[in-house]
Amino acid sequence: MRVISRRTLKDFYERHTAAKAPLESWFHEAKAATWKNPKDISARYPSADFLPGNRVVFDIAGNHYRLVARIHYNTGIVFVRFVGTHATYDRVDATAV
């Protein structure tokens, strides 16, 4: 998959250093993946939540952080729409980010 944008991840983990390793791990796994549908994601990330508009919520670092991505399965592109702490995630509308 092509992940856009790694910069969003870096900006976050520069402020939250504990998130660096888990976000980098997620990035490399996503980049190496070939997700054709939500079932492919569920096989690796059983706790992922699927939202309308091909959005997926990933629990990062034991659910300390949340990452919302919009997946274009047909083109193999993952757009990182949000990354934040669990508390910050609770204040956003994941279907609109």
PDB file of N, CA and C in Angstrom:
ATOM      1  N   MET A   1       0.847  -1.163   0.000  1.00  0.00           N
ATOM      2  CA  MET A   1       0.000   0.000   0.000  1.00  0.00           C
ATOM      3  C   MET A   1       0.901   1.236   0.000  1.00  0.00           C
ATOM      4  N   ARG A   2       0.377   2.282  -0.553  1.00  0.00           N
ATOM      5  CA  ARG A   2       1.075   3.564  -0.517  1.00  0.00           C
ATOM      6  C   ARG A   2       0.428   4.390   0.593  1.00  0.00           C
ATOM      7  N   VAL A   3       1.223   4.778   1.575  1.00  0.00           N
ATOM      8  CA  VAL A   3       0.710   5.492   2.737  1.00  0.00           C
ATOM      9  C   VAL A   3       0.982   6.979   2.584  1.00  0.00           C
ATOM     10  N   ILE A   4      -0.079   7.770   2.644  1.00  0.00           N
ATOM     11  CA  ILE A   4       0.023   9.220   2.564  1.00  0.00           C
ATOM     12  C   ILE A   4      -0.631   9.780   3.824  1.00  0.00           C
ATOM     13  N   SER A   5      -0.031  10.446   4.659  1.00  0.00           N
ATOM     14  CA  SER A   5       1.306  10.967   4.589  1.00  0.00           C
ATOM     15  C   SER A   5       2.071  10.568   5.840  1.00  0.00           C
ATOM     16  N   ARG A   6       3.270  10.114   5.639  1.00  0.00           N
ATOM     17  CA  ARG A   6       4.128   9.747   6.754  1.00  0.00           C
ATOM     18  C   ARG A   6       4.433  10.968   7.620  1.00  0.00           C
ATOM     19  N   ARG A   7       4.452  12.137   7.003  1.00  0.00           N
ATOM     20  CA  ARG A   7       4.723  13.391   7.719  1.00  0.00           C
ATOM     21  C   ARG A   7       3.738  13.582   8.873  1.00  0.00           C
ATOM     22  N   THR A   8       2.478  13.214   8.671  1.00  0.00           N
ATOM     23  CA  THR A   8       1.470  13.324   9.728  1.00  0.00           C
ATOM     24  C   THR A   8       1.871  12.480  10.932  1.00  0.00           C
ATOM     25  N   LEU A   9       2.363  11.282  10.659  1.00  0.00           N
ATOM     26  CA  LEU A   9       2.814  10.403  11.747  1.00  0.00           C
ATOM     27  C   LEU A   9       4.014  11.010  12.463  1.00  0.00           C
ATOM     28  N   LYS A  10       4.986  11.491  11.697  1.00  0.00           N
ATOM     29  CA  LYS A  10       6.194  12.080  12.279  1.00  0.00           C
ATOM     30  C   LYS A  10       5.868  13.306  13.120  1.00  0.00           C
ATOM     31  N   ASP A  11       5.003  14.166  12.616  1.00  0.00           N
ATOM     32  CA  ASP A  11       4.615  15.353  13.381  1.00  0.00           C
ATOM     33  C   ASP A  11       4.029  14.961  14.730  1.00  0.00           C
ATOM     34  N   PHE A  12       3.241  13.895  14.742  1.00  0.00           N
ATOM     35  CA  PHE A  12       2.641  13.453  15.996  1.00  0.00           C
ATOM     36  C   PHE A  12       3.684  12.868  16.934  1.00  0.00           C
ATOM     37  N   TYR A  13       4.524  11.956  16.437  1.00  0.00           N
ATOM     38  CA  TYR A  13       5.450  11.313  17.371  1.00  0.00           C
ATOM     39  C   TYR A  13       6.628  12.190  17.760  1.00  0.00           C
ATOM     40  N   GLU A  14       6.811  13.301  17.095  1.00  0.00           N
ATOM     41  CA  GLU A  14       7.806  14.269  17.581  1.00  0.00           C
ATOM     42  C   GLU A  14       7.299  14.946  18.858  1.00  0.00           C
ATOM     43  N   ARG A  15       5.984  15.049  19.002  1.00  0.00           N
ATOM     44  CA  ARG A  15       5.389  15.615  20.218  1.00  0.00           C
ATOM     45  C   ARG A  15       5.103  14.540  21.271  1.00  0.00           C
ATOM     46  N   HIS A  16       4.918  13.299  20.823  1.00  0.00           N
ATOM     47  CA  HIS A  16       4.594  12.167  21.713  1.00  0.00           C
ATOM     48  C   HIS A  16       5.600  11.056  21.420  1.00  0.00           C
ATOM     49  N   THR A  17       6.766  11.134  22.025  1.00  0.00           N
ATOM     50  CA  THR A  17       7.863  10.225  21.669  1.00  0.00           C
ATOM     51  C   THR A  17       7.537   8.755  21.905  1.00  0.00           C
ATOM     52  N   ALA A  18       6.680   8.452  22.841  1.00  0.00           N
ATOM     53  CA  ALA A  18       6.314   7.049  23.088  1.00  0.00           C
ATOM     54  C   ALA A  18       5.561   6.437  21.912  1.00  0.00           C
ATOM     55  N   ALA A  19       5.016   7.277  21.050  1.00  0.00           N
ATOM     56  CA  ALA A  19       4.257   6.782  19.898  1.00  0.00           C
ATOM     57  C   ALA A  19       5.139   6.458  18.699  1.00  0.00           C
ATOM     58  N   LYS A  20       6.404   6.840  18.748  1.00  0.00           N
ATOM     59  CA  LYS A  20       7.257   6.680  17.567  1.00  0.00           C
ATOM     60  C   LYS A  20       7.366   5.232  17.105  1.00  0.00           C
ATOM     61  N   ALA A  21       7.786   4.335  17.958  1.00  0.00           N
ATOM     62  CA  ALA A  21       7.988   2.936  17.562  1.00  0.00           C
ATOM     63  C   ALA A  21       6.689   2.290  17.069  1.00  0.00           C
ATOM     64  N   PRO A  22       5.569   2.433  17.790  1.00  0.00           N
ATOM     65  CA  PRO A  22       4.346   1.800  17.296  1.00  0.00           C
ATOM     66  C   PRO A  22       3.849   2.397  15.983  1.00  0.00           C
ATOM     67  N   LEU A  23       3.981   3.705  15.799  1.00  0.00           N
ATOM     68  CA  LEU A  23       3.530   4.312  14.548  1.00  0.00           C
ATOM     69  C   LEU A  23       4.434   3.929  13.384  1.00  0.00           C
ATOM     70  N   GLU A  24       5.733   3.872  13.618  1.00  0.00           N
ATOM     71  CA  GLU A  24       6.658   3.433  12.570  1.00  0.00           C
ATOM     72  C   GLU A  24       6.379   1.974  12.199  1.00  0.00           C
ATOM     73  N   SER A  25       6.085   1.168  13.204  1.00  0.00           N
ATOM     74  CA  SER A  25       5.757  -0.238  12.947  1.00  0.00           C
ATOM     75  C   SER A  25       4.489  -0.337  12.096  1.00  0.00           C
ATOM     76  N   TRP A  26       3.445   0.428  12.464  1.00  0.00           N
ATOM     77  CA  TRP A  26       2.219   0.420  11.686  1.00  0.00           C
ATOM     78  C   TRP A  26       2.493   0.882  10.258  1.00  0.00           C
ATOM     79  N   PHE A  27       3.275   1.941  10.097  1.00  0.00           N
ATOM     80  CA  PHE A  27       3.586   2.469   8.773  1.00  0.00           C
ATOM     81  C   PHE A  27       4.235   1.404   7.889  1.00  0.00           C
ATOM     82  N   HIS A  28       5.244   0.727   8.423  1.00  0.00           N
ATOM     83  CA  HIS A  28       5.954  -0.278   7.625  1.00  0.00           C
ATOM     84  C   HIS A  28       5.065  -1.481   7.311  1.00  0.00           C
ATOM     85  N   GLU A  29       4.220  -1.872   8.258  1.00  0.00           N
ATOM     86  CA  GLU A  29       3.288  -2.971   7.992  1.00  0.00           C
ATOM     87  C   GLU A  29       2.277  -2.577   6.923  1.00  0.00           C
ATOM     88  N   ALA A  30       1.739  -1.366   7.029  1.00  0.00           N
ATOM     89  CA  ALA A  30       0.762  -0.902   6.044  1.00  0.00           C
ATOM     90  C   ALA A  30       1.410  -0.784   4.663  1.00  0.00           C
ATOM     91  N   LYS A  31       2.614  -0.269   4.628  1.00  0.00           N
ATOM     92  CA  LYS A  31       3.323  -0.101   3.353  1.00  0.00           C
ATOM     93  C   LYS A  31       3.562  -1.456   2.671  1.00  0.00           C
ATOM     94  N   ALA A  32       3.839  -2.479   3.456  1.00  0.00           N
ATOM     95  CA  ALA A  32       4.121  -3.805   2.899  1.00  0.00           C
ATOM     96  C   ALA A  32       2.851  -4.599   2.596  1.00  0.00           C
ATOM     97  N   ALA A  33       1.721  -4.131   3.098  1.00  0.00           N
ATOM     98  CA  ALA A  33       0.456  -4.865   2.952  1.00  0.00           C
ATOM     99  C   ALA A  33      -0.148  -4.700   1.563  1.00  0.00           C
ATOM    100  N   THR A  34      -1.071  -5.599   1.269  1.00  0.00           N
ATOM    101  CA  THR A  34      -1.890  -5.514   0.060  1.00  0.00           C
ATOM    102  C   THR A  34      -3.335  -5.713   0.491  1.00  0.00           C
ATOM    103  N   TRP A  35      -3.938  -4.640   0.985  1.00  0.00           N
ATOM    104  CA  TRP A  35      -5.311  -4.721   1.466  1.00  0.00           C
ATOM    105  C   TRP A  35      -6.268  -4.527   0.304  1.00  0.00           C
ATOM    106  N   LYS A  36      -7.052  -5.538   0.028  1.00  0.00           N
ATOM    107  CA  LYS A  36      -8.035  -5.476  -1.052  1.00  0.00           C
ATOM    108  C   LYS A  36      -9.445  -5.198  -0.532  1.00  0.00           C
ATOM    109  N   ASN A  37      -9.640  -5.417   0.787  1.00  0.00           N
ATOM    110  CA  ASN A  37     -10.948  -5.203   1.395  1.00  0.00           C
ATOM    111  C   ASN A  37     -10.794  -5.190   2.914  1.00  0.00           C
ATOM    112  N   PRO A  38     -11.828  -4.801   3.647  1.00  0.00           N
ATOM    113  CA  PRO A  38     -11.726  -4.750   5.111  1.00  0.00           C
ATOM    114  C   PRO A  38     -11.335  -6.078   5.756  1.00  0.00           C
ATOM    115  N   LYS A  39     -11.733  -7.181   5.157  1.00  0.00           N
ATOM    116  CA  LYS A  39     -11.392  -8.499   5.708  1.00  0.00           C
ATOM    117  C   LYS A  39      -9.879  -8.683   5.792  1.00  0.00           C
ATOM    118  N   ASP A  40      -9.148  -8.160   4.809  1.00  0.00           N
ATOM    119  CA  ASP A  40      -7.687  -8.250   4.826  1.00  0.00           C
ATOM    120  C   ASP A  40      -7.107  -7.495   6.021  1.00  0.00           C
ATOM    121  N   ILE A  41      -7.691  -6.362   6.354  1.00  0.00           N
ATOM    122  CA  ILE A  41      -7.224  -5.585   7.499  1.00  0.00           C
ATOM    123  C   ILE A  41      -7.586  -6.298   8.796  1.00  0.00           C
ATOM    124  N   SER A  42      -8.788  -6.821   8.882  1.00  0.00           N
ATOM    125  CA  SER A  42      -9.225  -7.526  10.093  1.00  0.00           C
ATOM    126  C   SER A  42      -8.355  -8.730  10.416  1.00  0.00           C
ATOM    127  N   ALA A  43      -7.816  -9.362   9.403  1.00  0.00           N
ATOM    128  CA  ALA A  43      -6.961 -10.532   9.630  1.00  0.00           C
ATOM    129  C   ALA A  43      -5.718 -10.155  10.428  1.00  0.00           C
ATOM    130  N   ARG A  44      -5.186  -8.975  10.193  1.00  0.00           N
ATOM    131  CA  ARG A  44      -3.975  -8.526  10.895  1.00  0.00           C
ATOM    132  C   ARG A  44      -4.309  -7.652  12.100  1.00  0.00           C
ATOM    133  N   TYR A  45      -5.369  -6.875  11.999  1.00  0.00           N
ATOM    134  CA  TYR A  45      -5.771  -5.940  13.051  1.00  0.00           C
ATOM    135  C   TYR A  45      -7.205  -6.233  13.477  1.00  0.00           C
ATOM    136  N   PRO A  46      -7.420  -7.268  14.295  1.00  0.00           N
ATOM    137  CA  PRO A  46      -8.789  -7.640  14.666  1.00  0.00           C
ATOM    138  C   PRO A  46      -9.529  -6.563  15.465  1.00  0.00           C
ATOM    139  N   SER A  47      -8.809  -5.641  16.086  1.00  0.00           N
ATOM    140  CA  SER A  47      -9.484  -4.591  16.860  1.00  0.00           C
ATOM    141  C   SER A  47      -9.806  -3.361  16.019  1.00  0.00           C
ATOM    142  N   ALA A  48      -9.449  -3.369  14.747  1.00  0.00           N
ATOM    143  CA  ALA A  48      -9.744  -2.228  13.873  1.00  0.00           C
ATOM    144  C   ALA A  48     -11.256  -2.050  13.750  1.00  0.00           C
ATOM    145  N   ASP A  49     -11.659  -0.790  13.721  1.00  0.00           N
ATOM    146  CA  ASP A  49     -13.071  -0.454  13.535  1.00  0.00           C
ATOM    147  C   ASP A  49     -13.249   0.126  12.141  1.00  0.00           C
ATOM    148  N   PHE A  50     -14.316  -0.290  11.481  1.00  0.00           N
ATOM    149  CA  PHE A  50     -14.581   0.147  10.118  1.00  0.00           C
ATOM    150  C   PHE A  50     -15.744   1.122  10.116  1.00  0.00           C
ATOM    151  N   LEU A  51     -15.514   2.265   9.504  1.00  0.00           N
ATOM    152  CA  LEU A  51     -16.498   3.344   9.465  1.00  0.00           C
ATOM    153  C   LEU A  51     -16.937   3.590   8.030  1.00  0.00           C
ATOM    154  N   PRO A  52     -18.023   4.323   7.851  1.00  0.00           N
ATOM    155  CA  PRO A  52     -18.444   4.662   6.488  1.00  0.00           C
ATOM    156  C   PRO A  52     -17.342   5.422   5.741  1.00  0.00           C
ATOM    157  N   GLY A  53     -17.388   5.355   4.433  1.00  0.00           N
ATOM    158  CA  GLY A  53     -16.416   6.073   3.615  1.00  0.00           C
ATOM    159  C   GLY A  53     -15.050   5.417   3.566  1.00  0.00           C
ATOM    160  N   ASN A  54     -15.020   4.092   3.782  1.00  0.00           N
ATOM    161  CA  ASN A  54     -13.760   3.334   3.768  1.00  0.00           C
ATOM    162  C   ASN A  54     -12.750   3.847   4.790  1.00  0.00           C
ATOM    163  N   ARG A  55     -13.248   4.345   5.907  1.00  0.00           N
ATOM    164  CA  ARG A  55     -12.365   4.778   6.985  1.00  0.00           C
ATOM    165  C   ARG A  55     -12.165   3.613   7.951  1.00  0.00           C
ATOM    166  N   VAL A  56     -10.935   3.534   8.462  1.00  0.00           N
ATOM    167  CA  VAL A  56     -10.587   2.485   9.411  1.00  0.00           C
ATOM    168  C   VAL A  56      -9.916   3.141  10.606  1.00  0.00           C
ATOM    169  N   VAL A  57     -10.327   2.733  11.808  1.00  0.00           N
ATOM    170  CA  VAL A  57      -9.712   3.218  13.036  1.00  0.00           C
ATOM    171  C   VAL A  57      -8.815   2.106  13.567  1.00  0.00           C
ATOM    172  N   PHE A  58      -7.523   2.421  13.670  1.00  0.00           N
ATOM    173  CA  PHE A  58      -6.540   1.479  14.194  1.00  0.00           C
ATOM    174  C   PHE A  58      -6.183   1.868  15.618  1.00  0.00           C
ATOM    175  N   ASP A  59      -6.147   0.879  16.516  1.00  0.00           N
ATOM    176  CA  ASP A  59      -5.661   1.085  17.878  1.00  0.00           C
ATOM    177  C   ASP A  59      -4.147   0.929  17.831  1.00  0.00           C
ATOM    178  N   ILE A  60      -3.441   1.930  18.319  1.00  0.00           N
ATOM    179  CA  ILE A  60      -1.979   1.935  18.282  1.00  0.00           C
ATOM    180  C   ILE A  60      -1.444   1.891  19.707  1.00  0.00           C
ATOM    181  N   ALA A  61      -0.437   1.093  19.931  1.00  0.00           N
ATOM    182  CA  ALA A  61       0.242   0.984  21.239  1.00  0.00           C
ATOM    183  C   ALA A  61      -0.743   0.620  22.346  1.00  0.00           C
ATOM    184  N   GLY A  62      -1.440  -0.478  22.146  1.00  0.00           N
ATOM    185  CA  GLY A  62      -2.362  -0.945  23.180  1.00  0.00           C
ATOM    186  C   GLY A  62      -3.502   0.018  23.433  1.00  0.00           C
ATOM    187  N   ASN A  63      -3.931   0.692  22.380  1.00  0.00           N
ATOM    188  CA  ASN A  63      -5.058   1.618  22.422  1.00  0.00           C
ATOM    189  C   ASN A  63      -4.745   2.934  23.134  1.00  0.00           C
ATOM    190  N   HIS A  64      -3.463   3.249  23.310  1.00  0.00           N
ATOM    191  CA  HIS A  64      -3.091   4.559  23.845  1.00  0.00           C
ATOM    192  C   HIS A  64      -3.284   5.643  22.792  1.00  0.00           C
ATOM    193  N   TYR A  65      -3.157   5.253  21.539  1.00  0.00           N
ATOM    194  CA  TYR A  65      -3.282   6.186  20.419  1.00  0.00           C
ATOM    195  C   TYR A  65      -4.263   5.608  19.416  1.00  0.00           C
ATOM    196  N   ARG A  66      -4.829   6.491  18.608  1.00  0.00           N
ATOM    197  CA  ARG A  66      -5.739   6.070  17.558  1.00  0.00           C
ATOM    198  C   ARG A  66      -5.278   6.672  16.241  1.00  0.00           C
ATOM    199  N   LEU A  67      -5.425   5.911  15.191  1.00  0.00           N
ATOM    200  CA  LEU A  67      -5.089   6.353  13.851  1.00  0.00           C
ATOM    201  C   LEU A  67      -6.292   6.093  12.957  1.00  0.00           C
ATOM    202  N   VAL A  68      -6.737   7.127  12.267  1.00  0.00           N
ATOM    203  CA  VAL A  68      -7.849   6.987  11.332  1.00  0.00           C
ATOM    204  C   VAL A  68      -7.280   7.118   9.929  1.00  0.00           C
ATOM    205  N   ALA A  69      -7.567   6.142   9.109  1.00  0.00           N
ATOM    206  CA  ALA A  69      -7.088   6.159   7.728  1.00  0.00           C
ATOM    207  C   ALA A  69      -8.262   5.943   6.791  1.00  0.00           C
ATOM    208  N   ARG A  70      -8.173   6.574   5.658  1.00  0.00           N
ATOM    209  CA  ARG A  70      -9.146   6.322   4.598  1.00  0.00           C
ATOM    210  C   ARG A  70      -8.438   5.453   3.573  1.00  0.00           C
ATOM    211  N   ILE A  71      -9.031   4.315   3.266  1.00  0.00           N
ATOM    212  CA  ILE A  71      -8.396   3.328   2.399  1.00  0.00           C
ATOM    213  C   ILE A  71      -9.064   3.332   1.032  1.00  0.00           C
ATOM    214  N   HIS A  72      -8.255   3.472   0.012  1.00  0.00           N
ATOM    215  CA  HIS A  72      -8.737   3.300  -1.362  1.00  0.00           C
ATOM    216  C   HIS A  72      -8.224   1.931  -1.809  1.00  0.00           C
ATOM    217  N   TYR A  73      -9.041   0.932  -1.606  1.00  0.00           N
ATOM    218  CA  TYR A  73      -8.636  -0.446  -1.877  1.00  0.00           C
ATOM    219  C   TYR A  73      -8.278  -0.660  -3.350  1.00  0.00           C
ATOM    220  N   ASN A  74      -9.016  -0.036  -4.244  1.00  0.00           N
ATOM    221  CA  ASN A  74      -8.789  -0.266  -5.677  1.00  0.00           C
ATOM    222  C   ASN A  74      -7.473   0.322  -6.176  1.00  0.00           C
ATOM    223  N   THR A  75      -6.980   1.383  -5.542  1.00  0.00           N
ATOM    224  CA  THR A  75      -5.712   1.987  -5.971  1.00  0.00           C
ATOM    225  C   THR A  75      -4.556   1.665  -5.033  1.00  0.00           C
ATOM    226  N   GLY A  76      -4.853   1.060  -3.895  1.00  0.00           N
ATOM    227  CA  GLY A  76      -3.802   0.702  -2.954  1.00  0.00           C
ATOM    228  C   GLY A  76      -3.224   1.893  -2.207  1.00  0.00           C
ATOM    229  N   ILE A  77      -4.067   2.889  -1.915  1.00  0.00           N
ATOM    230  CA  ILE A  77      -3.592   4.078  -1.216  1.00  0.00           C
ATOM    231  C   ILE A  77      -4.278   4.182   0.139  1.00  0.00           C
ATOM    232  N   VAL A  78      -3.464   4.472   1.156  1.00  0.00           N
ATOM    233  CA  VAL A  78      -3.937   4.682   2.519  1.00  0.00           C
ATOM    234  C   VAL A  78      -3.678   6.144   2.864  1.00  0.00           C
ATOM    235  N   PHE A  79      -4.729   6.882   3.122  1.00  0.00           N
ATOM    236  CA  PHE A  79      -4.598   8.283   3.508  1.00  0.00           C
ATOM    237  C   PHE A  79      -4.748   8.390   5.025  1.00  0.00           C
ATOM    238  N   VAL A  80      -3.687   8.808   5.706  1.00  0.00           N
ATOM    239  CA  VAL A  80      -3.763   9.014   7.154  1.00  0.00           C
ATOM    240  C   VAL A  80      -4.549  10.299   7.377  1.00  0.00           C
ATOM    241  N   ARG A  81      -5.695  10.180   8.017  1.00  0.00           N
ATOM    242  CA  ARG A  81      -6.574  11.332   8.225  1.00  0.00           C
ATOM    243  C   ARG A  81      -6.452  11.918   9.625  1.00  0.00           C
ATOM    244  N   PHE A  82      -6.063  11.077  10.587  1.00  0.00           N
ATOM    245  CA  PHE A  82      -5.959  11.535  11.975  1.00  0.00           C
ATOM    246  C   PHE A  82      -5.045  10.590  12.722  1.00  0.00           C
ATOM    247  N   VAL A  83      -4.236  11.155  13.589  1.00  0.00           N
ATOM    248  CA  VAL A  83      -3.500  10.368  14.573  1.00  0.00           C
ATOM    249  C   VAL A  83      -3.479  11.198  15.850  1.00  0.00           C
ATOM    250  N   GLY A  84      -3.803  10.535  16.960  1.00  0.00           N
ATOM    251  CA  GLY A  84      -3.858  11.267  18.220  1.00  0.00           C
ATOM    252  C   GLY A  84      -3.994  10.332  19.399  1.00  0.00           C
ATOM    253  N   THR A  85      -4.028  10.939  20.555  1.00  0.00           N
ATOM    254  CA  THR A  85      -4.230  10.148  21.766  1.00  0.00           C
ATOM    255  C   THR A  85      -5.681   9.660  21.779  1.00  0.00           C
ATOM    256  N   HIS A  86      -5.918   8.692  22.621  1.00  0.00           N
ATOM    257  CA  HIS A  86      -7.276   8.170  22.735  1.00  0.00           C
ATOM    258  C   HIS A  86      -8.226   9.287  23.182  1.00  0.00           C
ATOM    259  N   ALA A  87      -7.780  10.118  24.112  1.00  0.00           N
ATOM    260  CA  ALA A  87      -8.625  11.213  24.611  1.00  0.00           C
ATOM    261  C   ALA A  87      -8.943  12.214  23.504  1.00  0.00           C
ATOM    262  N   THR A  88      -7.972  12.528  22.671  1.00  0.00           N
ATOM    263  CA  THR A  88      -8.200  13.452  21.559  1.00  0.00           C
ATOM    264  C   THR A  88      -9.156  12.832  20.548  1.00  0.00           C
ATOM    265  N   TYR A  89      -8.983  11.553  20.283  1.00  0.00           N
ATOM    266  CA  TYR A  89      -9.866  10.846  19.347  1.00  0.00           C
ATOM    267  C   TYR A  89     -11.321  10.936  19.799  1.00  0.00           C
ATOM    268  N   ASP A  90     -11.547  10.847  21.095  1.00  0.00           N
ATOM    269  CA  ASP A  90     -12.908  10.895  21.617  1.00  0.00           C
ATOM    270  C   ASP A  90     -13.604  12.226  21.322  1.00  0.00           C
ATOM    271  N   ARG A  91     -12.821  13.266  21.004  1.00  0.00           N
ATOM    272  CA  ARG A  91     -13.399  14.597  20.744  1.00  0.00           C
ATOM    273  C   ARG A  91     -13.566  14.907  19.255  1.00  0.00           C
ATOM    274  N   VAL A  92     -13.172  13.971  18.371  1.00  0.00           N
ATOM    275  CA  VAL A  92     -13.300  14.231  16.929  1.00  0.00           C
ATOM    276  C   VAL A  92     -14.370  13.311  16.334  1.00  0.00           C
ATOM    277  N   ASP A  93     -14.845  13.696  15.183  1.00  0.00           N
ATOM    278  CA  ASP A  93     -15.783  12.873  14.436  1.00  0.00           C
ATOM    279  C   ASP A  93     -14.960  12.104  13.400  1.00  0.00           C
ATOM    280  N   ALA A  94     -14.693  10.852  13.676  1.00  0.00           N
ATOM    281  CA  ALA A  94     -13.821  10.049  12.819  1.00  0.00           C
ATOM    282  C   ALA A  94     -14.398   9.850  11.423  1.00  0.00           C
ATOM    283  N   THR A  95     -15.695  10.040  11.270  1.00  0.00           N
ATOM    284  CA  THR A  95     -16.284   9.897   9.936  1.00  0.00           C
ATOM    285  C   THR A  95     -16.104  11.153   9.094  1.00  0.00           C
ATOM    286  N   ALA A  96     -15.650  12.236   9.734  1.00  0.00           N
ATOM    287  CA  ALA A  96     -15.495  13.500   9.009  1.00  0.00           C
ATOM    288  C   ALA A  96     -14.046  13.962   8.851  1.00  0.00           C
ATOM    289  N   VAL A  97     -13.136  13.350   9.590  1.00  0.00           N
ATOM    290  CA  VAL A  97     -11.732  13.779   9.464  1.00  0.00           C
ATOM    291  C   VAL A  97     -11.123  13.270   8.181  1.00  0.00           C
TER     292      VAL A  97
END
